[in-house]
Amino acid sequence: MSLLKTMLPITIIATLFTSCNSIKTTTYWVNSIKVNCSSGAGKMQCLQVYKGVDVDKATWSTFYAPIEGFEFEFGSFQKIEVTETQLDPKDVPADASSIKYKLVKVLEKKQDPKMALNDIWTVTKINNSAIGKTRQIPSLEINISKMQVSGTDGCNNFTGDIKNITARNIEFGPIASTRKMCMDMSIPNAFNKALNASVSYKKEALSLTFFDTEGNETLTLKKID
């Protein structure tokens, strides 16, 4: 009986110690947009998180699990404190996360500056040269929520994906377009080449400028709606 009395507190302490060790608290930045992702349940939209300090330099990772108590806000970065609880593998369904995430509190919210690009823009300059009076004026629609671009190069319509975008940099995916031939293809060809070379941007008031890898201006656009 005395041995049992001695073992019981030890067992309780060991259980509590194991339980405490299975839970940890961490801090994430949550991206202002969700991304398309695939899991065992099929296609869905997932959060993106970053564990660094400077959200403007974030390298985002797709986050497949839900965070209990967290409410996503499109257009806002959120810095959150989260508990991570390691679950017993036998209690975890197939294709589900072995860690349970639960919101402790929202530490900070910050408006995402790239949301200012979410609009329709018309091109005023290509490679720093103004477009003269012409009916072939390219335009570009940027849809941040879908991470897509579309528009016209002045002759053909096009559409494509935005692979990545930060507060300063942008990476376009392959661009698909119609194949109509116009009388003068100089502006459409120059626009397409400039768009493909664009890797960063700067927005000032109603003006948007793209730059290549060497910092040269590729496209200058103005907001039209």
C-alpha atoms as a PDB file:
ATOM      1  CA  MET A   1       0.000   0.000   0.000  1.00  0.00           C
ATOM      2  CA  SER A   2       2.832   2.379   0.857  1.00  0.00           C
ATOM      3  CA  LEU A   3       4.475   1.570  -2.455  1.00  0.00           C
ATOM      4  CA  LEU A   4       1.237   2.397  -4.261  1.00  0.00           C
ATOM      5  CA  LYS A   5       0.997   5.717  -2.419  1.00  0.00           C
ATOM      6  CA  THR A   6       4.550   6.508  -3.436  1.00  0.00           C
ATOM      7  CA  MET A   7       4.042   5.567  -7.094  1.00  0.00           C
ATOM      8  CA  LEU A   8       0.798   7.486  -7.528  1.00  0.00           C
ATOM      9  CA  PRO A   9       2.269  11.012  -7.140  1.00  0.00           C
ATOM     10  CA  ILE A  10       5.180  10.065  -9.386  1.00  0.00           C
ATOM     11  CA  THR A  11       2.753   8.854 -12.062  1.00  0.00           C
ATOM     12  CA  ILE A  12       0.707  12.062 -11.828  1.00  0.00           C
ATOM     13  CA  ILE A  13       3.826  14.237 -12.024  1.00  0.00           C
ATOM     14  CA  ALA A  14       5.140  12.277 -15.016  1.00  0.00           C
ATOM     15  CA  THR A  15       1.780  12.614 -16.794  1.00  0.00           C
ATOM     16  CA  LEU A  16       1.667  16.361 -16.161  1.00  0.00           C
ATOM     17  CA  PHE A  17       5.248  16.758 -17.318  1.00  0.00           C
ATOM     18  CA  THR A  18       4.568  14.870 -20.555  1.00  0.00           C
ATOM     19  CA  SER A  19       1.392  16.907 -21.111  1.00  0.00           C
ATOM     20  CA  CYS A  20       3.208  20.219 -20.583  1.00  0.00           C
ATOM     21  CA  ASN A  21       5.993  19.218 -22.924  1.00  0.00           C
ATOM     22  CA  SER A  22       3.480  18.454 -25.711  1.00  0.00           C
ATOM     23  CA  ILE A  23       2.269  22.066 -25.809  1.00  0.00           C
ATOM     24  CA  LYS A  24       4.334  25.041 -26.939  1.00  0.00           C
ATOM     25  CA  THR A  25       3.589  28.637 -27.813  1.00  0.00           C
ATOM     26  CA  THR A  26       4.875  30.318 -30.958  1.00  0.00           C
ATOM     27  CA  THR A  27       4.321  33.504 -32.968  1.00  0.00           C
ATOM     28  CA  TYR A  28       3.402  33.768 -36.661  1.00  0.00           C
ATOM     29  CA  TRP A  29       2.738  36.469 -39.185  1.00  0.00           C
ATOM     30  CA  VAL A  30      -0.288  35.449 -41.282  1.00  0.00           C
ATOM     31  CA  ASN A  31      -0.358  36.692 -44.870  1.00  0.00           C
ATOM     32  CA  SER A  32      -3.102  39.017 -46.080  1.00  0.00           C
ATOM     33  CA  ILE A  33      -4.208  36.585 -48.802  1.00  0.00           C
ATOM     34  CA  LYS A  34      -4.897  32.886 -48.982  1.00  0.00           C
ATOM     35  CA  VAL A  35      -3.455  30.602 -51.656  1.00  0.00           C
ATOM     36  CA  ASN A  36      -4.842  27.620 -53.526  1.00  0.00           C
ATOM     37  CA  CYS A  37      -3.555  24.370 -52.064  1.00  0.00           C
ATOM     38  CA  SER A  38      -4.249  20.646 -52.120  1.00  0.00           C
ATOM     39  CA  SER A  39      -4.667  18.233 -49.242  1.00  0.00           C
ATOM     40  CA  GLY A  40      -6.308  14.877 -48.631  1.00  0.00           C
ATOM     41  CA  ALA A  41      -9.662  16.658 -48.776  1.00  0.00           C
ATOM     42  CA  GLY A  42      -8.926  17.984 -52.279  1.00  0.00           C
ATOM     43  CA  LYS A  43      -8.401  21.532 -53.480  1.00  0.00           C
ATOM     44  CA  MET A  44      -8.882  24.301 -50.929  1.00  0.00           C
ATOM     45  CA  GLN A  45      -7.513  27.671 -49.877  1.00  0.00           C
ATOM     46  CA  CYS A  46      -4.820  27.804 -47.234  1.00  0.00           C
ATOM     47  CA  LEU A  47      -3.263  30.422 -44.999  1.00  0.00           C
ATOM     48  CA  GLN A  48       0.373  31.434 -45.421  1.00  0.00           C
ATOM     49  CA  VAL A  49       2.576  32.035 -42.385  1.00  0.00           C
ATOM     50  CA  TYR A  50       5.996  33.518 -41.642  1.00  0.00           C
ATOM     51  CA  LYS A  51       7.919  33.090 -38.387  1.00  0.00           C
ATOM     52  CA  GLY A  52      10.368  35.946 -38.930  1.00  0.00           C
ATOM     53  CA  VAL A  53      10.305  39.485 -37.560  1.00  0.00           C
ATOM     54  CA  ASP A  54      10.116  41.769 -40.635  1.00  0.00           C
ATOM     55  CA  VAL A  55       6.899  40.989 -42.493  1.00  0.00           C
ATOM     56  CA  ASP A  56       7.996  43.191 -45.427  1.00  0.00           C
ATOM     57  CA  LYS A  57      10.754  40.642 -46.101  1.00  0.00           C
ATOM     58  CA  ALA A  58       8.604  37.589 -45.453  1.00  0.00           C
ATOM     59  CA  THR A  59       9.130  34.257 -47.148  1.00  0.00           C
ATOM     60  CA  TRP A  60       5.710  32.686 -46.850  1.00  0.00           C
ATOM     61  CA  SER A  61       4.993  29.023 -46.180  1.00  0.00           C
ATOM     62  CA  THR A  62       1.679  27.361 -46.929  1.00  0.00           C
ATOM     63  CA  PHE A  63      -0.176  26.433 -43.729  1.00  0.00           C
ATOM     64  CA  TYR A  64      -2.583  23.531 -44.220  1.00  0.00           C
ATOM     65  CA  ALA A  65      -4.093  23.170 -40.733  1.00  0.00           C
ATOM     66  CA  PRO A  66      -6.855  25.291 -39.163  1.00  0.00           C
ATOM     67  CA  ILE A  67      -6.084  27.649 -36.273  1.00  0.00           C
ATOM     68  CA  GLU A  68      -8.860  27.463 -33.705  1.00  0.00           C
ATOM     69  CA  GLY A  69     -10.245  30.903 -32.827  1.00  0.00           C
ATOM     70  CA  PHE A  70      -8.409  32.757 -35.613  1.00  0.00           C
ATOM     71  CA  GLU A  71     -10.313  34.938 -38.100  1.00  0.00           C
ATOM     72  CA  PHE A  72      -8.579  35.638 -41.395  1.00  0.00           C
ATOM     73  CA  GLU A  73      -8.836  39.218 -42.729  1.00  0.00           C
ATOM     74  CA  PHE A  74      -8.199  39.774 -46.421  1.00  0.00           C
ATOM     75  CA  GLY A  75      -5.809  42.682 -46.966  1.00  0.00           C
ATOM     76  CA  SER A  76      -4.270  42.658 -43.485  1.00  0.00           C
ATOM     77  CA  PHE A  77      -1.147  41.036 -42.104  1.00  0.00           C
ATOM     78  CA  GLN A  78      -1.807  39.634 -38.639  1.00  0.00           C
ATOM     79  CA  LYS A  79       0.841  38.777 -36.064  1.00  0.00           C
ATOM     80  CA  ILE A  80      -0.593  36.100 -33.797  1.00  0.00           C
ATOM     81  CA  GLU A  81       0.430  34.062 -30.793  1.00  0.00           C
ATOM     82  CA  VAL A  82      -0.560  30.416 -31.118  1.00  0.00           C
ATOM     83  CA  THR A  83      -0.351  27.265 -29.005  1.00  0.00           C
ATOM     84  CA  GLU A  84       0.767  24.090 -30.739  1.00  0.00           C
ATOM     85  CA  THR A  85      -0.432  20.876 -29.119  1.00  0.00           C
ATOM     86  CA  GLN A  86       1.111  17.595 -30.252  1.00  0.00           C
ATOM     87  CA  LEU A  87      -1.680  15.049 -30.615  1.00  0.00           C
ATOM     88  CA  ASP A  88      -1.470  11.326 -30.015  1.00  0.00           C
ATOM     89  CA  PRO A  89      -0.972   9.755 -33.485  1.00  0.00           C
ATOM     90  CA  LYS A  90      -3.701   7.189 -32.830  1.00  0.00           C
ATOM     91  CA  ASP A  91      -6.222  10.015 -32.379  1.00  0.00           C
ATOM     92  CA  VAL A  92      -5.318  11.777 -35.637  1.00  0.00           C
ATOM     93  CA  PRO A  93      -7.443  11.001 -38.739  1.00  0.00           C
ATOM     94  CA  ALA A  94      -5.687  10.191 -41.998  1.00  0.00           C
ATOM     95  CA  ASP A  95      -4.365  13.274 -43.841  1.00  0.00           C
ATOM     96  CA  ALA A  96      -5.034  15.487 -40.785  1.00  0.00           C
ATOM     97  CA  SER A  97      -2.426  17.532 -38.915  1.00  0.00           C
ATOM     98  CA  SER A  98      -0.787  15.850 -35.919  1.00  0.00           C
ATOM     99  CA  ILE A  99      -0.627  19.279 -34.254  1.00  0.00           C
ATOM    100  CA  LYS A 100      -3.607  21.243 -32.981  1.00  0.00           C
ATOM    101  CA  TYR A 101      -3.233  25.024 -33.373  1.00  0.00           C
ATOM    102  CA  LYS A 102      -5.156  27.446 -31.188  1.00  0.00           C
ATOM    103  CA  LEU A 103      -5.088  31.249 -31.152  1.00  0.00           C
ATOM    104  CA  VAL A 104      -3.889  32.843 -27.919  1.00  0.00           C
ATOM    105  CA  LYS A 105      -4.171  36.460 -29.072  1.00  0.00           C
ATOM    106  CA  VAL A 106      -3.647  38.801 -32.015  1.00  0.00           C
ATOM    107  CA  LEU A 107      -0.496  40.804 -31.306  1.00  0.00           C
ATOM    108  CA  GLU A 108      -0.565  43.207 -34.264  1.00  0.00           C
ATOM    109  CA  LYS A 109      -2.434  44.034 -37.465  1.00  0.00           C
ATOM    110  CA  LYS A 110      -0.881  45.779 -40.432  1.00  0.00           C
ATOM    111  CA  GLN A 111      -2.406  46.865 -43.735  1.00  0.00           C
ATOM    112  CA  ASP A 112      -0.768  45.070 -46.652  1.00  0.00           C
ATOM    113  CA  PRO A 113       0.726  47.723 -48.997  1.00  0.00           C
ATOM    114  CA  LYS A 114       0.443  45.523 -52.067  1.00  0.00           C
ATOM    115  CA  MET A 115      -3.342  45.812 -51.884  1.00  0.00           C
ATOM    116  CA  ALA A 116      -2.926  49.247 -53.466  1.00  0.00           C
ATOM    117  CA  LEU A 117      -2.060  47.431 -56.720  1.00  0.00           C
ATOM    118  CA  ASN A 118      -5.431  45.698 -56.795  1.00  0.00           C
ATOM    119  CA  ASP A 119      -6.938  47.705 -59.654  1.00  0.00           C
ATOM    120  CA  ILE A 120      -7.004  48.361 -63.402  1.00  0.00           C
ATOM    121  CA  TRP A 121      -4.055  50.266 -64.868  1.00  0.00           C
ATOM    122  CA  THR A 122      -3.310  51.724 -68.283  1.00  0.00           C
ATOM    123  CA  VAL A 123       0.224  51.963 -69.655  1.00  0.00           C
ATOM    124  CA  THR A 124       1.686  55.433 -70.236  1.00  0.00           C
ATOM    125  CA  LYS A 125       5.355  54.517 -70.805  1.00  0.00           C
ATOM    126  CA  ILE A 126       7.276  51.479 -72.012  1.00  0.00           C
ATOM    127  CA  ASN A 127      10.985  51.375 -71.176  1.00  0.00           C
ATOM    128  CA  ASN A 128      10.669  54.995 -70.015  1.00  0.00           C
ATOM    129  CA  SER A 129       9.379  56.125 -73.426  1.00  0.00           C
ATOM    130  CA  ALA A 130       5.933  57.701 -73.550  1.00  0.00           C
ATOM    131  CA  ILE A 131       3.264  56.060 -75.677  1.00  0.00           C
ATOM    132  CA  GLY A 132       2.040  58.520 -78.279  1.00  0.00           C
ATOM    133  CA  LYS A 133      -1.529  58.995 -79.420  1.00  0.00           C
ATOM    134  CA  THR A 134      -2.598  55.558 -80.552  1.00  0.00           C
ATOM    135  CA  ARG A 135      -5.505  53.173 -80.268  1.00  0.00           C
ATOM    136  CA  GLN A 136      -3.091  50.451 -79.139  1.00  0.00           C
ATOM    137  CA  ILE A 137      -2.804  51.322 -75.452  1.00  0.00           C
ATOM    138  CA  PRO A 138      -2.037  48.311 -73.239  1.00  0.00           C
ATOM    139  CA  SER A 139      -3.854  47.908 -69.939  1.00  0.00           C
ATOM    140  CA  LEU A 140      -3.295  45.666 -66.956  1.00  0.00           C
ATOM    141  CA  GLU A 141      -5.719  44.441 -64.288  1.00  0.00           C
ATOM    142  CA  ILE A 142      -4.117  43.161 -61.078  1.00  0.00           C
ATOM    143  CA  ASN A 143      -6.262  40.898 -58.916  1.00  0.00           C
ATOM    144  CA  ILE A 144      -4.470  40.295 -55.622  1.00  0.00           C
ATOM    145  CA  SER A 145      -7.154  38.045 -54.123  1.00  0.00           C
ATOM    146  CA  LYS A 146      -6.819  35.604 -57.048  1.00  0.00           C
ATOM    147  CA  MET A 147      -3.095  36.346 -57.590  1.00  0.00           C
ATOM    148  CA  GLN A 148      -3.769  36.923 -61.291  1.00  0.00           C
ATOM    149  CA  VAL A 149      -3.164  39.525 -63.986  1.00  0.00           C
ATOM    150  CA  SER A 150      -5.126  40.126 -67.175  1.00  0.00           C
ATOM    151  CA  GLY A 151      -5.599  42.795 -69.785  1.00  0.00           C
ATOM    152  CA  THR A 152      -4.624  43.719 -73.313  1.00  0.00           C
ATOM    153  CA  ASP A 153      -1.234  44.390 -74.873  1.00  0.00           C
ATOM    154  CA  GLY A 154      -2.853  46.746 -77.363  1.00  0.00           C
ATOM    155  CA  CYS A 155      -3.666  43.929 -79.764  1.00  0.00           C
ATOM    156  CA  ASN A 156      -4.240  40.671 -77.896  1.00  0.00           C
ATOM    157  CA  ASN A 157      -5.901  39.880 -74.597  1.00  0.00           C
ATOM    158  CA  PHE A 158      -3.787  38.073 -72.005  1.00  0.00           C
ATOM    159  CA  THR A 159      -4.054  36.418 -68.608  1.00  0.00           C
ATOM    160  CA  GLY A 160      -1.569  34.927 -66.176  1.00  0.00           C
ATOM    161  CA  ASP A 161      -0.679  34.219 -62.573  1.00  0.00           C
ATOM    162  CA  ILE A 162       1.258  36.225 -60.027  1.00  0.00           C
ATOM    163  CA  LYS A 163       3.636  33.675 -58.521  1.00  0.00           C
ATOM    164  CA  ASN A 164       4.786  35.908 -55.676  1.00  0.00           C
ATOM    165  CA  ILE A 165       4.426  39.503 -54.536  1.00  0.00           C
ATOM    166  CA  THR A 166       5.893  41.452 -51.628  1.00  0.00           C
ATOM    167  CA  ALA A 167       5.934  45.137 -50.679  1.00  0.00           C
ATOM    168  CA  ARG A 168       8.592  45.736 -53.358  1.00  0.00           C
ATOM    169  CA  ASN A 169       8.966  42.700 -55.613  1.00  0.00           C
ATOM    170  CA  ILE A 170       6.677  40.872 -57.996  1.00  0.00           C
ATOM    171  CA  GLU A 171       7.074  37.628 -59.923  1.00  0.00           C
ATOM    172  CA  PHE A 172       4.763  36.849 -62.821  1.00  0.00           C
ATOM    173  CA  GLY A 173       4.024  33.330 -63.987  1.00  0.00           C
ATOM    174  CA  PRO A 174       3.602  32.306 -67.639  1.00  0.00           C
ATOM    175  CA  ILE A 175       1.349  34.672 -69.591  1.00  0.00           C
ATOM    176  CA  ALA A 176      -1.200  33.222 -72.041  1.00  0.00           C
ATOM    177  CA  SER A 177      -2.682  35.412 -74.770  1.00  0.00           C
ATOM    178  CA  THR A 178      -4.774  35.370 -77.911  1.00  0.00           C
ATOM    179  CA  ARG A 179      -2.878  35.272 -81.213  1.00  0.00           C
ATOM    180  CA  LYS A 180      -4.411  37.999 -83.339  1.00  0.00           C
ATOM    181  CA  MET A 181      -2.033  39.886 -85.654  1.00  0.00           C
ATOM    182  CA  CYS A 182      -2.509  43.654 -85.825  1.00  0.00           C
ATOM    183  CA  MET A 183      -1.218  46.074 -88.463  1.00  0.00           C
ATOM    184  CA  ASP A 184       1.404  47.458 -86.074  1.00  0.00           C
ATOM    185  CA  MET A 185       2.810  45.068 -83.441  1.00  0.00           C
ATOM    186  CA  SER A 186       5.541  47.365 -82.121  1.00  0.00           C
ATOM    187  CA  ILE A 187       3.683  48.460 -78.979  1.00  0.00           C
ATOM    188  CA  PRO A 188       2.238  45.010 -78.135  1.00  0.00           C
ATOM    189  CA  ASN A 189       5.651  43.371 -78.592  1.00  0.00           C
ATOM    190  CA  ALA A 190       7.410  46.005 -76.501  1.00  0.00           C
ATOM    191  CA  PHE A 191       4.782  45.746 -73.758  1.00  0.00           C
ATOM    192  CA  ASN A 192       4.993  41.947 -73.539  1.00  0.00           C
ATOM    193  CA  LYS A 193       8.785  42.030 -73.363  1.00  0.00           C
ATOM    194  CA  ALA A 194       8.714  44.737 -70.685  1.00  0.00           C
ATOM    195  CA  LEU A 195       6.096  42.905 -68.600  1.00  0.00           C
ATOM    196  CA  ASN A 196       8.083  39.665 -68.685  1.00  0.00           C
ATOM    197  CA  ALA A 197      11.222  41.546 -67.568  1.00  0.00           C
ATOM    198  CA  SER A 198       9.490  43.204 -64.592  1.00  0.00           C
ATOM    199  CA  VAL A 199      10.567  41.981 -61.143  1.00  0.00           C
ATOM    200  CA  SER A 200       9.886  44.925 -58.789  1.00  0.00           C
ATOM    201  CA  TYR A 201       7.573  47.902 -58.534  1.00  0.00           C
ATOM    202  CA  LYS A 202       6.895  51.250 -56.919  1.00  0.00           C
ATOM    203  CA  LYS A 203       3.510  52.889 -56.425  1.00  0.00           C
ATOM    204  CA  GLU A 204       3.139  56.625 -55.919  1.00  0.00           C
ATOM    205  CA  ALA A 205      -0.349  58.146 -55.731  1.00  0.00           C
ATOM    206  CA  LEU A 206      -2.133  56.996 -58.910  1.00  0.00           C
ATOM    207  CA  SER A 207       1.058  55.912 -60.707  1.00  0.00           C
ATOM    208  CA  LEU A 208       2.605  52.439 -60.786  1.00  0.00           C
ATOM    209  CA  THR A 209       6.093  51.716 -62.154  1.00  0.00           C
ATOM    210  CA  PHE A 210       7.708  48.341 -62.819  1.00  0.00           C
ATOM    211  CA  PHE A 211      11.473  47.726 -62.929  1.00  0.00           C
ATOM    212  CA  ASP A 212      13.773  44.990 -64.261  1.00  0.00           C
ATOM    213  CA  THR A 213      16.555  43.211 -62.365  1.00  0.00           C
ATOM    214  CA  GLU A 214      18.956  46.128 -62.961  1.00  0.00           C
ATOM    215  CA  GLY A 215      16.512  48.755 -61.708  1.00  0.00           C
ATOM    216  CA  ASN A 216      15.584  50.099 -65.156  1.00  0.00           C
ATOM    217  CA  GLU A 217      11.999  51.223 -65.689  1.00  0.00           C
ATOM    218  CA  THR A 218      10.066  48.736 -67.791  1.00  0.00           C
ATOM    219  CA  LEU A 219       6.477  49.978 -67.547  1.00  0.00           C
ATOM    220  CA  THR A 220       4.782  53.055 -66.138  1.00  0.00           C
ATOM    221  CA  LEU A 221       1.037  52.865 -65.597  1.00  0.00           C
ATOM    222  CA  LYS A 222      -1.745  55.030 -64.221  1.00  0.00           C
ATOM    223  CA  LYS A 223      -4.905  54.035 -62.399  1.00  0.00           C
ATOM    224  CA  ILE A 224      -7.984  54.293 -64.596  1.00  0.00           C
ATOM    225  CA  ASP A 225     -10.933  53.371 -62.364  1.00  0.00           C
END
